[in-house]
Amino acid sequence: MSSRTTADPAGLAAEVCAGNRRALARAITLVESAHREDQAAANRLLELLAPHAGRSIRIGISGVPGAGKSSFIEALGIHVIDQGHRVAVLAVDPSSSISGGSILGDKTRMEHLGRRLEAFIRPSPAGRTLGGVSRRTREAMLICEAAGFDVIFVETVGVGQSETAVAEMTDMFLLLLLPGGGDELQGIKRGIMERADLILVNKCDGELQAAAARSAADYRHALRLLQPRSAHWQVPVQTCSAREGAGIAEAWEAIGRFREAMTAAGVLAAGRAEQARAWLWSEMAENLIDSLRENRAMQERVAAIEAAVARGTAAPRVAAAELVRIFLESGKAGS
């Protein structure tokens, strides 16, 4: 049944805060909805849940293809739950260009973690959003926090310059790499290395154990050549094996040390405040673009200007300024 006919923000918020998992899933579905009819209910829901959020550690996780992100998150998630925490995993999958749906299915790839009552796994399609995260990932984190999940993992699509967007909405950014070094090291974007708060070389087992140790040493050396992200934290480079569970406890200990150091320095609170401001401007930009596209009076002008840009007879920068001017003037005329 459509959320547009069943959404009751107050009732849904109460169920989420009580830990109702089905209500949690419905709440995220509501805020992810692209239907205009759902927006008022979604906004009211977020207003009601906001005072109950903000008490988790938010960890963004990215890595090179094949690094075993889902296996690592499952192993770390189970370990964290065994320490008495509740874990939410927001796994952002690539989107099908045909259906727009999620095509990897992280929930099925975290079978053991998914069976734990203290875990909640939510795969969401990335859609057209750059940065390897869904446009509504921030809202999903807030809702999970209100539901009592105190450790939140955000798994991105992959690794690269655009995927660093996850670092701008989480407290800590964890980069997962493969044993290799050499060409592997050259293939990692400098920007994403600079954003990492913890680097882990996964698959440190069997015949790859020695290669993993060498890779970790190479990455430690590479970090010395980069500007530190924070004066309060020296980025550790560690090895682990998600398959065998080796190094998982040590990774969680490093996360704990990071949280303590950054909280004591006031960096964590300042980072959350800056993220909130960035969220505001991002939402404002998205809402303005949506309003422009949906404005019937603007649709013909938009189509004509788009065609001129496509033909090369208008510069995109000039055309964009013209569209904004026309849109603002149409708003004045209608007021």
C-alpha atoms as a PDB file:
ATOM      1  CA  MET A   1       0.000   0.000   0.000  1.00  0.00           C
ATOM      2  CA  SER A   2       1.289   3.442  -0.859  1.00  0.00           C
ATOM      3  CA  SER A   3       2.834   5.547   1.896  1.00  0.00           C
ATOM      4  CA  ARG A   4       0.772   8.461   0.534  1.00  0.00           C
ATOM      5  CA  THR A   5      -2.402   6.919   1.919  1.00  0.00           C
ATOM      6  CA  THR A   6      -1.055   5.466   5.154  1.00  0.00           C
ATOM      7  CA  ALA A   7       1.517   7.970   6.417  1.00  0.00           C
ATOM      8  CA  ASP A   8       0.762   9.210   9.945  1.00  0.00           C
ATOM      9  CA  PRO A   9       3.895  11.109  10.997  1.00  0.00           C
ATOM     10  CA  ALA A  10       3.125  11.209  14.731  1.00  0.00           C
ATOM     11  CA  GLY A  11       2.182   7.546  14.949  1.00  0.00           C
ATOM     12  CA  LEU A  12       5.082   6.480  12.761  1.00  0.00           C
ATOM     13  CA  ALA A  13       7.568   8.520  14.819  1.00  0.00           C
ATOM     14  CA  ALA A  14       6.312   6.919  18.046  1.00  0.00           C
ATOM     15  CA  GLU A  15       6.733   3.431  16.570  1.00  0.00           C
ATOM     16  CA  VAL A  16      10.239   4.229  15.309  1.00  0.00           C
ATOM     17  CA  CYS A  17      11.315   5.508  18.739  1.00  0.00           C
ATOM     18  CA  ALA A  18       9.858   2.352  20.306  1.00  0.00           C
ATOM     19  CA  GLY A  19      12.175   0.256  18.118  1.00  0.00           C
ATOM     20  CA  ASN A  20       9.597  -1.127  15.703  1.00  0.00           C
ATOM     21  CA  ARG A  21      11.672  -2.395  12.772  1.00  0.00           C
ATOM     22  CA  ARG A  22       8.804  -2.369  10.278  1.00  0.00           C
ATOM     23  CA  ALA A  23       8.054   1.224  11.232  1.00  0.00           C
ATOM     24  CA  LEU A  24      11.741   2.053  10.732  1.00  0.00           C
ATOM     25  CA  ALA A  25      11.646   0.622   7.218  1.00  0.00           C
ATOM     26  CA  ARG A  26       8.408   2.490   6.439  1.00  0.00           C
ATOM     27  CA  ALA A  27       9.865   5.745   7.757  1.00  0.00           C
ATOM     28  CA  ILE A  28      12.914   5.486   5.496  1.00  0.00           C
ATOM     29  CA  THR A  29      10.692   4.604   2.543  1.00  0.00           C
ATOM     30  CA  LEU A  30       8.613   7.706   3.253  1.00  0.00           C
ATOM     31  CA  VAL A  31      11.563  10.109   3.294  1.00  0.00           C
ATOM     32  CA  GLU A  32      13.035   8.456   0.188  1.00  0.00           C
ATOM     33  CA  SER A  33       9.770   8.915  -1.708  1.00  0.00           C
ATOM     34  CA  ALA A  34       9.944  11.190  -4.742  1.00  0.00           C
ATOM     35  CA  HIS A  35       6.183  11.813  -4.680  1.00  0.00           C
ATOM     36  CA  ARG A  36       5.204  15.386  -3.882  1.00  0.00           C
ATOM     37  CA  GLU A  37       2.256  14.069  -1.855  1.00  0.00           C
ATOM     38  CA  ASP A  38       4.645  12.448   0.629  1.00  0.00           C
ATOM     39  CA  GLN A  39       6.828  15.478   1.278  1.00  0.00           C
ATOM     40  CA  ALA A  40       4.771  17.135   4.011  1.00  0.00           C
ATOM     41  CA  ALA A  41       4.450  13.895   5.980  1.00  0.00           C
ATOM     42  CA  ALA A  42       8.171  13.162   5.537  1.00  0.00           C
ATOM     43  CA  ASN A  43       9.138  16.634   6.732  1.00  0.00           C
ATOM     44  CA  ARG A  44       6.891  16.350   9.791  1.00  0.00           C
ATOM     45  CA  LEU A  45       8.307  12.904  10.587  1.00  0.00           C
ATOM     46  CA  LEU A  46      11.866  14.251  10.509  1.00  0.00           C
ATOM     47  CA  GLU A  47      10.885  17.137  12.794  1.00  0.00           C
ATOM     48  CA  LEU A  48       9.479  14.687  15.339  1.00  0.00           C
ATOM     49  CA  LEU A  49      12.490  12.344  15.194  1.00  0.00           C
ATOM     50  CA  ALA A  50      15.276  14.947  15.176  1.00  0.00           C
ATOM     51  CA  PRO A  51      15.334  15.418  19.008  1.00  0.00           C
ATOM     52  CA  HIS A  52      15.896  11.664  19.418  1.00  0.00           C
ATOM     53  CA  ALA A  53      18.804  11.467  16.963  1.00  0.00           C
ATOM     54  CA  GLY A  54      22.482  12.366  17.021  1.00  0.00           C
ATOM     55  CA  ARG A  55      23.801   9.910  19.606  1.00  0.00           C
ATOM     56  CA  SER A  56      25.524   7.423  17.320  1.00  0.00           C
ATOM     57  CA  ILE A  57      28.939   7.094  15.723  1.00  0.00           C
ATOM     58  CA  ARG A  58      28.537   7.444  11.953  1.00  0.00           C
ATOM     59  CA  ILE A  59      31.160   5.572   9.946  1.00  0.00           C
ATOM     60  CA  GLY A  60      31.527   5.843   6.172  1.00  0.00           C
ATOM     61  CA  ILE A  61      33.147   2.872   4.475  1.00  0.00           C
ATOM     62  CA  SER A  62      34.533   2.854   0.954  1.00  0.00           C
ATOM     63  CA  GLY A  63      37.043   0.717  -0.860  1.00  0.00           C
ATOM     64  CA  VAL A  64      38.403  -0.534  -4.138  1.00  0.00           C
ATOM     65  CA  PRO A  65      36.315  -3.088  -6.091  1.00  0.00           C
ATOM     66  CA  GLY A  66      36.822  -6.554  -4.645  1.00  0.00           C
ATOM     67  CA  ALA A  67      38.125  -5.317  -1.300  1.00  0.00           C
ATOM     68  CA  GLY A  68      35.324  -7.151   0.483  1.00  0.00           C
ATOM     69  CA  LYS A  69      33.401  -4.196   1.922  1.00  0.00           C
ATOM     70  CA  SER A  70      30.223  -6.147   2.628  1.00  0.00           C
ATOM     71  CA  SER A  71      32.102  -9.079   4.184  1.00  0.00           C
ATOM     72  CA  PHE A  72      34.098  -6.673   6.336  1.00  0.00           C
ATOM     73  CA  ILE A  73      30.992  -4.770   7.449  1.00  0.00           C
ATOM     74  CA  GLU A  74      29.306  -8.043   8.348  1.00  0.00           C
ATOM     75  CA  ALA A  75      32.282  -9.222  10.429  1.00  0.00           C
ATOM     76  CA  LEU A  76      32.695  -5.835  12.132  1.00  0.00           C
ATOM     77  CA  GLY A  77      28.951  -5.492  12.677  1.00  0.00           C
ATOM     78  CA  ILE A  78      28.687  -8.846  14.439  1.00  0.00           C
ATOM     79  CA  HIS A  79      31.689  -7.966  16.614  1.00  0.00           C
ATOM     80  CA  VAL A  80      30.190  -4.588  17.526  1.00  0.00           C
ATOM     81  CA  ILE A  81      26.832  -6.173  18.401  1.00  0.00           C
ATOM     82  CA  ASP A  82      28.649  -8.651  20.647  1.00  0.00           C
ATOM     83  CA  GLN A  83      30.071  -5.615  22.469  1.00  0.00           C
ATOM     84  CA  GLY A  84      26.523  -4.509  23.334  1.00  0.00           C
ATOM     85  CA  HIS A  85      25.767  -2.093  20.491  1.00  0.00           C
ATOM     86  CA  ARG A  86      23.011  -1.895  17.879  1.00  0.00           C
ATOM     87  CA  VAL A  87      24.160  -1.576  14.279  1.00  0.00           C
ATOM     88  CA  ALA A  88      22.475  -0.035  11.248  1.00  0.00           C
ATOM     89  CA  VAL A  89      23.976  -0.537   7.793  1.00  0.00           C
ATOM     90  CA  LEU A  90      22.973   1.804   4.989  1.00  0.00           C
ATOM     91  CA  ALA A  91      24.343   0.052   1.925  1.00  0.00           C
ATOM     92  CA  VAL A  92      24.057   2.262  -1.135  1.00  0.00           C
ATOM     93  CA  ASP A  93      24.003   0.151  -4.292  1.00  0.00           C
ATOM     94  CA  PRO A  94      24.532   1.252  -7.888  1.00  0.00           C
ATOM     95  CA  SER A  95      21.197   1.927  -9.557  1.00  0.00           C
ATOM     96  CA  SER A  96      19.825   0.251 -12.628  1.00  0.00           C
ATOM     97  CA  SER A  97      19.633   2.753 -15.469  1.00  0.00           C
ATOM     98  CA  ILE A  98      16.431   1.014 -16.576  1.00  0.00           C
ATOM     99  CA  SER A  99      14.389   0.567 -13.389  1.00  0.00           C
ATOM    100  CA  GLY A 100      16.253   2.899 -11.037  1.00  0.00           C
ATOM    101  CA  GLY A 101      16.354   0.059  -8.522  1.00  0.00           C
ATOM    102  CA  SER A 102      19.186  -1.278  -6.424  1.00  0.00           C
ATOM    103  CA  ILE A 103      21.080  -4.009  -8.312  1.00  0.00           C
ATOM    104  CA  LEU A 104      23.608  -5.500  -5.866  1.00  0.00           C
ATOM    105  CA  GLY A 105      21.431  -6.522  -2.939  1.00  0.00           C
ATOM    106  CA  ASP A 106      23.779  -6.006   0.031  1.00  0.00           C
ATOM    107  CA  LYS A 107      21.182  -7.410   2.400  1.00  0.00           C
ATOM    108  CA  THR A 108      21.561 -10.832   0.804  1.00  0.00           C
ATOM    109  CA  ARG A 109      25.366 -10.514   0.968  1.00  0.00           C
ATOM    110  CA  MET A 110      25.262  -9.916   4.761  1.00  0.00           C
ATOM    111  CA  GLU A 111      23.231 -12.993   5.588  1.00  0.00           C
ATOM    112  CA  HIS A 112      24.647 -13.636   9.075  1.00  0.00           C
ATOM    113  CA  LEU A 113      24.471 -10.008  10.193  1.00  0.00           C
ATOM    114  CA  GLY A 114      20.955  -9.722   8.789  1.00  0.00           C
ATOM    115  CA  ARG A 115      19.783 -12.477  11.148  1.00  0.00           C
ATOM    116  CA  ARG A 116      20.821 -10.506  14.241  1.00  0.00           C
ATOM    117  CA  LEU A 117      17.951  -8.651  15.911  1.00  0.00           C
ATOM    118  CA  GLU A 118      20.358  -5.867  16.893  1.00  0.00           C
ATOM    119  CA  ALA A 119      21.149  -5.166  13.233  1.00  0.00           C
ATOM    120  CA  PHE A 120      19.219  -3.287  10.565  1.00  0.00           C
ATOM    121  CA  ILE A 121      20.377  -3.389   6.936  1.00  0.00           C
ATOM    122  CA  ARG A 122      18.921  -1.066   4.359  1.00  0.00           C
ATOM    123  CA  PRO A 123      20.071  -1.246   0.719  1.00  0.00           C
ATOM    124  CA  SER A 124      19.130   1.885  -1.231  1.00  0.00           C
ATOM    125  CA  PRO A 125      19.719   2.751  -4.883  1.00  0.00           C
ATOM    126  CA  ALA A 126      22.194   5.581  -5.411  1.00  0.00           C
ATOM    127  CA  GLY A 127      20.050   6.922  -8.252  1.00  0.00           C
ATOM    128  CA  ARG A 128      21.470   9.963 -10.021  1.00  0.00           C
ATOM    129  CA  THR A 129      23.203  11.250  -6.872  1.00  0.00           C
ATOM    130  CA  LEU A 130      26.970  11.669  -7.142  1.00  0.00           C
ATOM    131  CA  GLY A 131      29.226  10.659  -4.294  1.00  0.00           C
ATOM    132  CA  GLY A 132      28.193   7.034  -3.962  1.00  0.00           C
ATOM    133  CA  VAL A 133      25.470   7.899  -1.483  1.00  0.00           C
ATOM    134  CA  SER A 134      21.738   8.338  -1.811  1.00  0.00           C
ATOM    135  CA  ARG A 135      20.281  11.835  -1.605  1.00  0.00           C
ATOM    136  CA  ARG A 136      18.354  10.656   1.474  1.00  0.00           C
ATOM    137  CA  THR A 137      21.200   8.887   3.275  1.00  0.00           C
ATOM    138  CA  ARG A 138      21.363  11.703   5.843  1.00  0.00           C
ATOM    139  CA  GLU A 139      17.683  11.324   6.694  1.00  0.00           C
ATOM    140  CA  ALA A 140      18.051   7.546   6.927  1.00  0.00           C
ATOM    141  CA  MET A 141      20.882   7.964   9.434  1.00  0.00           C
ATOM    142  CA  LEU A 142      18.747  10.301  11.542  1.00  0.00           C
ATOM    143  CA  ILE A 143      15.838   7.851  11.547  1.00  0.00           C
ATOM    144  CA  CYS A 144      18.084   4.915  12.529  1.00  0.00           C
ATOM    145  CA  GLU A 145      19.522   6.938  15.403  1.00  0.00           C
ATOM    146  CA  ALA A 146      16.028   7.768  16.636  1.00  0.00           C
ATOM    147  CA  ALA A 147      15.255   4.028  16.540  1.00  0.00           C
ATOM    148  CA  GLY A 148      18.120   3.386  18.961  1.00  0.00           C
ATOM    149  CA  PHE A 149      20.929   2.276  16.655  1.00  0.00           C
ATOM    150  CA  ASP A 150      24.152   3.708  18.065  1.00  0.00           C
ATOM    151  CA  VAL A 151      26.590   2.526  15.371  1.00  0.00           C
ATOM    152  CA  ILE A 152      25.814   3.388  11.757  1.00  0.00           C
ATOM    153  CA  PHE A 153      27.804   2.174   8.768  1.00  0.00           C
ATOM    154  CA  VAL A 154      27.339   3.830   5.380  1.00  0.00           C
ATOM    155  CA  GLU A 155      28.768   1.650   2.610  1.00  0.00           C
ATOM    156  CA  THR A 156      29.376   3.499  -0.645  1.00  0.00           C
ATOM    157  CA  VAL A 157      29.270   2.250  -4.213  1.00  0.00           C
ATOM    158  CA  GLY A 158      33.033   2.195  -4.718  1.00  0.00           C
ATOM    159  CA  VAL A 159      36.170   4.231  -4.411  1.00  0.00           C
ATOM    160  CA  GLY A 160      37.165   7.390  -6.248  1.00  0.00           C
ATOM    161  CA  GLN A 161      37.104  11.139  -6.033  1.00  0.00           C
ATOM    162  CA  SER A 162      33.312  11.428  -6.145  1.00  0.00           C
ATOM    163  CA  GLU A 163      32.795   8.818  -3.409  1.00  0.00           C
ATOM    164  CA  THR A 164      34.516  11.082  -0.868  1.00  0.00           C
ATOM    165  CA  ALA A 165      31.088  12.709  -0.395  1.00  0.00           C
ATOM    166  CA  VAL A 166      30.423  10.098   2.294  1.00  0.00           C
ATOM    167  CA  ALA A 167      33.192  11.650   4.408  1.00  0.00           C
ATOM    168  CA  GLU A 168      31.168  14.858   4.497  1.00  0.00           C
ATOM    169  CA  MET A 169      28.178  13.243   6.204  1.00  0.00           C
ATOM    170  CA  THR A 170      29.836  10.833   8.641  1.00  0.00           C
ATOM    171  CA  ASP A 171      32.042  11.166  11.720  1.00  0.00           C
ATOM    172  CA  MET A 172      34.736   8.810  10.511  1.00  0.00           C
ATOM    173  CA  PHE A 173      35.820   7.636   7.075  1.00  0.00           C
ATOM    174  CA  LEU A 174      37.251   4.123   6.741  1.00  0.00           C
ATOM    175  CA  LEU A 175      39.053   3.092   3.565  1.00  0.00           C
ATOM    176  CA  LEU A 176      39.285  -0.622   2.775  1.00  0.00           C
ATOM    177  CA  LEU A 177      42.061  -1.777   0.426  1.00  0.00           C
ATOM    178  CA  LEU A 178      43.434  -4.990  -1.039  1.00  0.00           C
ATOM    179  CA  PRO A 179      46.909  -6.468  -0.632  1.00  0.00           C
ATOM    180  CA  GLY A 180      49.006  -5.307  -3.544  1.00  0.00           C
ATOM    181  CA  GLY A 181      50.934  -2.050  -3.298  1.00  0.00           C
ATOM    182  CA  GLY A 182      52.796  -0.747  -6.341  1.00  0.00           C
ATOM    183  CA  ASP A 183      50.227  -0.367  -9.128  1.00  0.00           C
ATOM    184  CA  GLU A 184      47.462  -0.660  -6.538  1.00  0.00           C
ATOM    185  CA  LEU A 185      48.889   2.305  -4.630  1.00  0.00           C
ATOM    186  CA  GLN A 186      49.157   4.356  -7.798  1.00  0.00           C
ATOM    187  CA  GLY A 187      45.522   3.620  -8.615  1.00  0.00           C
ATOM    188  CA  ILE A 188      44.167   5.122  -5.392  1.00  0.00           C
ATOM    189  CA  LYS A 189      43.058   8.720  -5.736  1.00  0.00           C
ATOM    190  CA  ARG A 190      45.049  11.074  -3.556  1.00  0.00           C
ATOM    191  CA  GLY A 191      41.872  12.875  -2.497  1.00  0.00           C
ATOM    192  CA  ILE A 192      40.309   9.799  -0.941  1.00  0.00           C
ATOM    193  CA  MET A 193      43.559   8.914   0.861  1.00  0.00           C
ATOM    194  CA  GLU A 194      43.610  12.403   2.371  1.00  0.00           C
ATOM    195  CA  ARG A 195      40.084  11.947   3.716  1.00  0.00           C
ATOM    196  CA  ALA A 196      40.645   8.555   5.347  1.00  0.00           C
ATOM    197  CA  ASP A 197      40.623   8.353   9.154  1.00  0.00           C
ATOM    198  CA  LEU A 198      41.450   4.647   9.192  1.00  0.00           C
ATOM    199  CA  ILE A 199      42.955   2.504   6.431  1.00  0.00           C
ATOM    200  CA  LEU A 200      42.542  -1.265   6.510  1.00  0.00           C
ATOM    201  CA  VAL A 201      44.163  -3.759   4.167  1.00  0.00           C
ATOM    202  CA  ASN A 202      41.659  -6.617   4.011  1.00  0.00           C
ATOM    203  CA  LYS A 203      42.146 -10.279   2.993  1.00  0.00           C
ATOM    204  CA  CYS A 204      45.243 -10.618   5.185  1.00  0.00           C
ATOM    205  CA  ASP A 205      45.086 -14.411   5.259  1.00  0.00           C
ATOM    206  CA  GLY A 206      46.653 -17.434   3.624  1.00  0.00           C
ATOM    207  CA  GLU A 207      49.066 -16.661   0.799  1.00  0.00           C
ATOM    208  CA  LEU A 208      48.127 -12.968   0.874  1.00  0.00           C
ATOM    209  CA  GLN A 209      49.268 -12.404   4.454  1.00  0.00           C
ATOM    210  CA  ALA A 210      52.793 -11.277   3.557  1.00  0.00           C
ATOM    211  CA  ALA A 211      51.513  -9.123   0.670  1.00  0.00           C
ATOM    212  CA  ALA A 212      49.014  -7.458   3.010  1.00  0.00           C
ATOM    213  CA  ALA A 213      51.758  -6.582   5.487  1.00  0.00           C
ATOM    214  CA  ARG A 214      53.864  -5.073   2.687  1.00  0.00           C
ATOM    215  CA  SER A 215      50.889  -3.109   1.377  1.00  0.00           C
ATOM    216  CA  ALA A 216      50.179  -1.710   4.832  1.00  0.00           C
ATOM    217  CA  ALA A 217      53.787  -0.537   5.061  1.00  0.00           C
ATOM    218  CA  ASP A 218      53.499   1.096   1.617  1.00  0.00           C
ATOM    219  CA  TYR A 219      50.340   2.951   2.623  1.00  0.00           C
ATOM    220  CA  ARG A 220      51.909   4.139   5.876  1.00  0.00           C
ATOM    221  CA  HIS A 221      54.771   5.578   3.866  1.00  0.00           C
ATOM    222  CA  ALA A 222      52.351   7.220   1.416  1.00  0.00           C
ATOM    223  CA  LEU A 223      50.439   8.855   4.275  1.00  0.00           C
ATOM    224  CA  ARG A 224      53.606  10.570   5.481  1.00  0.00           C
ATOM    225  CA  LEU A 225      53.686  12.480   2.196  1.00  0.00           C
ATOM    226  CA  LEU A 226      50.132  13.789   2.617  1.00  0.00           C
ATOM    227  CA  GLN A 227      48.802  16.651   4.702  1.00  0.00           C
ATOM    228  CA  PRO A 228      47.189  15.216   7.869  1.00  0.00           C
ATOM    229  CA  ARG A 229      43.416  15.597   7.907  1.00  0.00           C
ATOM    230  CA  SER A 230      43.443  16.498  11.609  1.00  0.00           C
ATOM    231  CA  ALA A 231      46.089  17.615  14.073  1.00  0.00           C
ATOM    232  CA  HIS A 232      44.347  15.466  16.692  1.00  0.00           C
ATOM    233  CA  TRP A 233      44.576  12.118  14.906  1.00  0.00           C
ATOM    234  CA  GLN A 234      47.320  10.074  13.275  1.00  0.00           C
ATOM    235  CA  VAL A 235      45.690   7.835  10.665  1.00  0.00           C
ATOM    236  CA  PRO A 236      46.401   4.156  11.449  1.00  0.00           C
ATOM    237  CA  VAL A 237      47.023   1.616   8.689  1.00  0.00           C
ATOM    238  CA  GLN A 238      46.102  -1.884   9.833  1.00  0.00           C
ATOM    239  CA  THR A 239      45.523  -5.304   8.314  1.00  0.00           C
ATOM    240  CA  CYS A 240      42.503  -7.529   8.741  1.00  0.00           C
ATOM    241  CA  SER A 241      40.762 -10.595   7.409  1.00  0.00           C
ATOM    242  CA  ALA A 242      36.994 -10.404   7.265  1.00  0.00           C
ATOM    243  CA  ARG A 243      36.879 -14.083   6.354  1.00  0.00           C
ATOM    244  CA  GLU A 244      38.877 -15.243   9.384  1.00  0.00           C
ATOM    245  CA  GLY A 245      37.947 -12.432  11.768  1.00  0.00           C
ATOM    246  CA  ALA A 246      41.561 -11.370  12.274  1.00  0.00           C
ATOM    247  CA  GLY A 247      42.082  -7.668  12.984  1.00  0.00           C
ATOM    248  CA  ILE A 248      38.347  -6.961  13.355  1.00  0.00           C
ATOM    249  CA  ALA A 249      38.545  -6.279  17.113  1.00  0.00           C
ATOM    250  CA  GLU A 250      41.571  -4.055  16.512  1.00  0.00           C
ATOM    251  CA  ALA A 251      39.656  -2.086  13.859  1.00  0.00           C
ATOM    252  CA  TRP A 252      36.828  -1.445  16.347  1.00  0.00           C
ATOM    253  CA  GLU A 253      39.367  -0.366  18.966  1.00  0.00           C
ATOM    254  CA  ALA A 254      40.814   2.147  16.484  1.00  0.00           C
ATOM    255  CA  ILE A 255      37.309   3.507  15.868  1.00  0.00           C
ATOM    256  CA  GLY A 256      36.867   3.919  19.614  1.00  0.00           C
ATOM    257  CA  ARG A 257      40.182   5.756  19.961  1.00  0.00           C
ATOM    258  CA  PHE A 258      39.226   8.063  17.111  1.00  0.00           C
ATOM    259  CA  ARG A 259      35.875   8.887  18.675  1.00  0.00           C
ATOM    260  CA  GLU A 260      37.467   9.630  22.060  1.00  0.00           C
ATOM    261  CA  ALA A 261      40.210  11.828  20.583  1.00  0.00           C
ATOM    262  CA  MET A 262      37.908  13.824  18.328  1.00  0.00           C
ATOM    263  CA  THR A 263      35.236  14.239  20.998  1.00  0.00           C
ATOM    264  CA  ALA A 264      37.794  15.518  23.509  1.00  0.00           C
ATOM    265  CA  ALA A 265      39.112  18.017  20.939  1.00  0.00           C
ATOM    266  CA  GLY A 266      35.602  19.218  20.064  1.00  0.00           C
ATOM    267  CA  VAL A 267      36.116  18.176  16.449  1.00  0.00           C
ATOM    268  CA  LEU A 268      33.231  15.702  16.360  1.00  0.00           C
ATOM    269  CA  ALA A 269      30.632  18.268  17.473  1.00  0.00           C
ATOM    270  CA  ALA A 270      32.050  20.926  15.142  1.00  0.00           C
ATOM    271  CA  GLY A 271      31.976  18.448  12.262  1.00  0.00           C
ATOM    272  CA  ARG A 272      28.328  17.584  12.889  1.00  0.00           C
ATOM    273  CA  ALA A 273      27.441  21.306  12.914  1.00  0.00           C
ATOM    274  CA  GLU A 274      29.255  21.877   9.618  1.00  0.00           C
ATOM    275  CA  GLN A 275      27.554  18.829   8.104  1.00  0.00           C
ATOM    276  CA  ALA A 276      24.164  20.228   9.125  1.00  0.00           C
ATOM    277  CA  ARG A 277      24.944  23.504   7.364  1.00  0.00           C
ATOM    278  CA  ALA A 278      26.113  21.658   4.251  1.00  0.00           C
ATOM    279  CA  TRP A 279      22.931  19.549   4.386  1.00  0.00           C
ATOM    280  CA  LEU A 280      20.837  22.743   4.478  1.00  0.00           C
ATOM    281  CA  TRP A 281      22.446  24.181   1.343  1.00  0.00           C
ATOM    282  CA  SER A 282      22.362  20.854  -0.467  1.00  0.00           C
ATOM    283  CA  GLU A 283      18.648  20.470   0.218  1.00  0.00           C
ATOM    284  CA  MET A 284      17.974  24.048  -0.818  1.00  0.00           C
ATOM    285  CA  ALA A 285      19.771  23.528  -4.133  1.00  0.00           C
ATOM    286  CA  GLU A 286      17.944  20.237  -4.797  1.00  0.00           C
ATOM    287  CA  ASN A 287      14.572  21.772  -3.925  1.00  0.00           C
ATOM    288  CA  LEU A 288      15.161  24.763  -6.199  1.00  0.00           C
ATOM    289  CA  ILE A 289      16.114  22.498  -9.098  1.00  0.00           C
ATOM    290  CA  ASP A 290      13.066  20.285  -8.483  1.00  0.00           C
ATOM    291  CA  SER A 291      10.807  23.344  -8.347  1.00  0.00           C
ATOM    292  CA  LEU A 292      12.285  24.702 -11.579  1.00  0.00           C
ATOM    293  CA  ARG A 293      11.803  21.394 -13.398  1.00  0.00           C
ATOM    294  CA  GLU A 294       8.207  21.040 -12.179  1.00  0.00           C
ATOM    295  CA  ASN A 295       7.190  24.621 -12.956  1.00  0.00           C
ATOM    296  CA  ARG A 296       4.898  24.313 -15.991  1.00  0.00           C
ATOM    297  CA  ALA A 297       5.452  27.923 -16.994  1.00  0.00           C
ATOM    298  CA  MET A 298       9.203  27.215 -17.179  1.00  0.00           C
ATOM    299  CA  GLN A 299       9.140  23.906 -19.035  1.00  0.00           C
ATOM    300  CA  GLU A 300       9.112  25.383 -22.560  1.00  0.00           C
ATOM    301  CA  ARG A 301      11.879  27.851 -21.697  1.00  0.00           C
ATOM    302  CA  VAL A 302      13.953  25.083 -20.113  1.00  0.00           C
ATOM    303  CA  ALA A 303      13.544  22.874 -23.197  1.00  0.00           C
ATOM    304  CA  ALA A 304      14.522  25.728 -25.545  1.00  0.00           C
ATOM    305  CA  ILE A 305      17.596  26.673 -23.510  1.00  0.00           C
ATOM    306  CA  GLU A 306      18.642  23.019 -23.150  1.00  0.00           C
ATOM    307  CA  ALA A 307      18.400  22.651 -26.952  1.00  0.00           C
ATOM    308  CA  ALA A 308      20.533  25.758 -27.477  1.00  0.00           C
ATOM    309  CA  VAL A 309      23.187  24.377 -25.125  1.00  0.00           C
ATOM    310  CA  ALA A 310      23.107  21.007 -26.894  1.00  0.00           C
ATOM    311  CA  ARG A 311      23.597  22.727 -30.266  1.00  0.00           C
ATOM    312  CA  GLY A 312      26.512  24.717 -28.880  1.00  0.00           C
ATOM    313  CA  THR A 313      24.849  28.067 -29.545  1.00  0.00           C
ATOM    314  CA  ALA A 314      24.632  28.906 -25.829  1.00  0.00           C
ATOM    315  CA  ALA A 315      27.277  28.512 -23.109  1.00  0.00           C
ATOM    316  CA  PRO A 316      26.034  26.371 -20.163  1.00  0.00           C
ATOM    317  CA  ARG A 317      27.143  29.002 -17.639  1.00  0.00           C
ATOM    318  CA  VAL A 318      25.263  31.796 -19.402  1.00  0.00           C
ATOM    319  CA  ALA A 319      22.220  29.573 -20.006  1.00  0.00           C
ATOM    320  CA  ALA A 320      22.087  28.553 -16.320  1.00  0.00           C
ATOM    321  CA  ALA A 321      22.171  32.197 -15.215  1.00  0.00           C
ATOM    322  CA  GLU A 322      19.377  32.981 -17.676  1.00  0.00           C
ATOM    323  CA  LEU A 323      17.214  30.127 -16.377  1.00  0.00           C
ATOM    324  CA  VAL A 324      17.664  31.296 -12.776  1.00  0.00           C
ATOM    325  CA  ARG A 325      16.775  34.880 -13.763  1.00  0.00           C
ATOM    326  CA  ILE A 326      13.611  33.782 -15.593  1.00  0.00           C
ATOM    327  CA  PHE A 327      12.613  31.482 -12.727  1.00  0.00           C
ATOM    328  CA  LEU A 328      13.032  34.190 -10.100  1.00  0.00           C
ATOM    329  CA  GLU A 329      11.105  36.699 -12.212  1.00  0.00           C
ATOM    330  CA  SER A 330       8.272  34.194 -12.683  1.00  0.00           C
ATOM    331  CA  GLY A 331       8.128  33.817  -8.908  1.00  0.00           C
ATOM    332  CA  LYS A 332       7.830  37.566  -8.443  1.00  0.00           C
ATOM    333  CA  ALA A 333       5.076  37.737 -11.025  1.00  0.00           C
ATOM    334  CA  GLY A 334       3.132  35.049  -9.247  1.00  0.00           C
ATOM    335  CA  SER A 335       3.488  36.580  -5.794  1.00  0.00           C
END
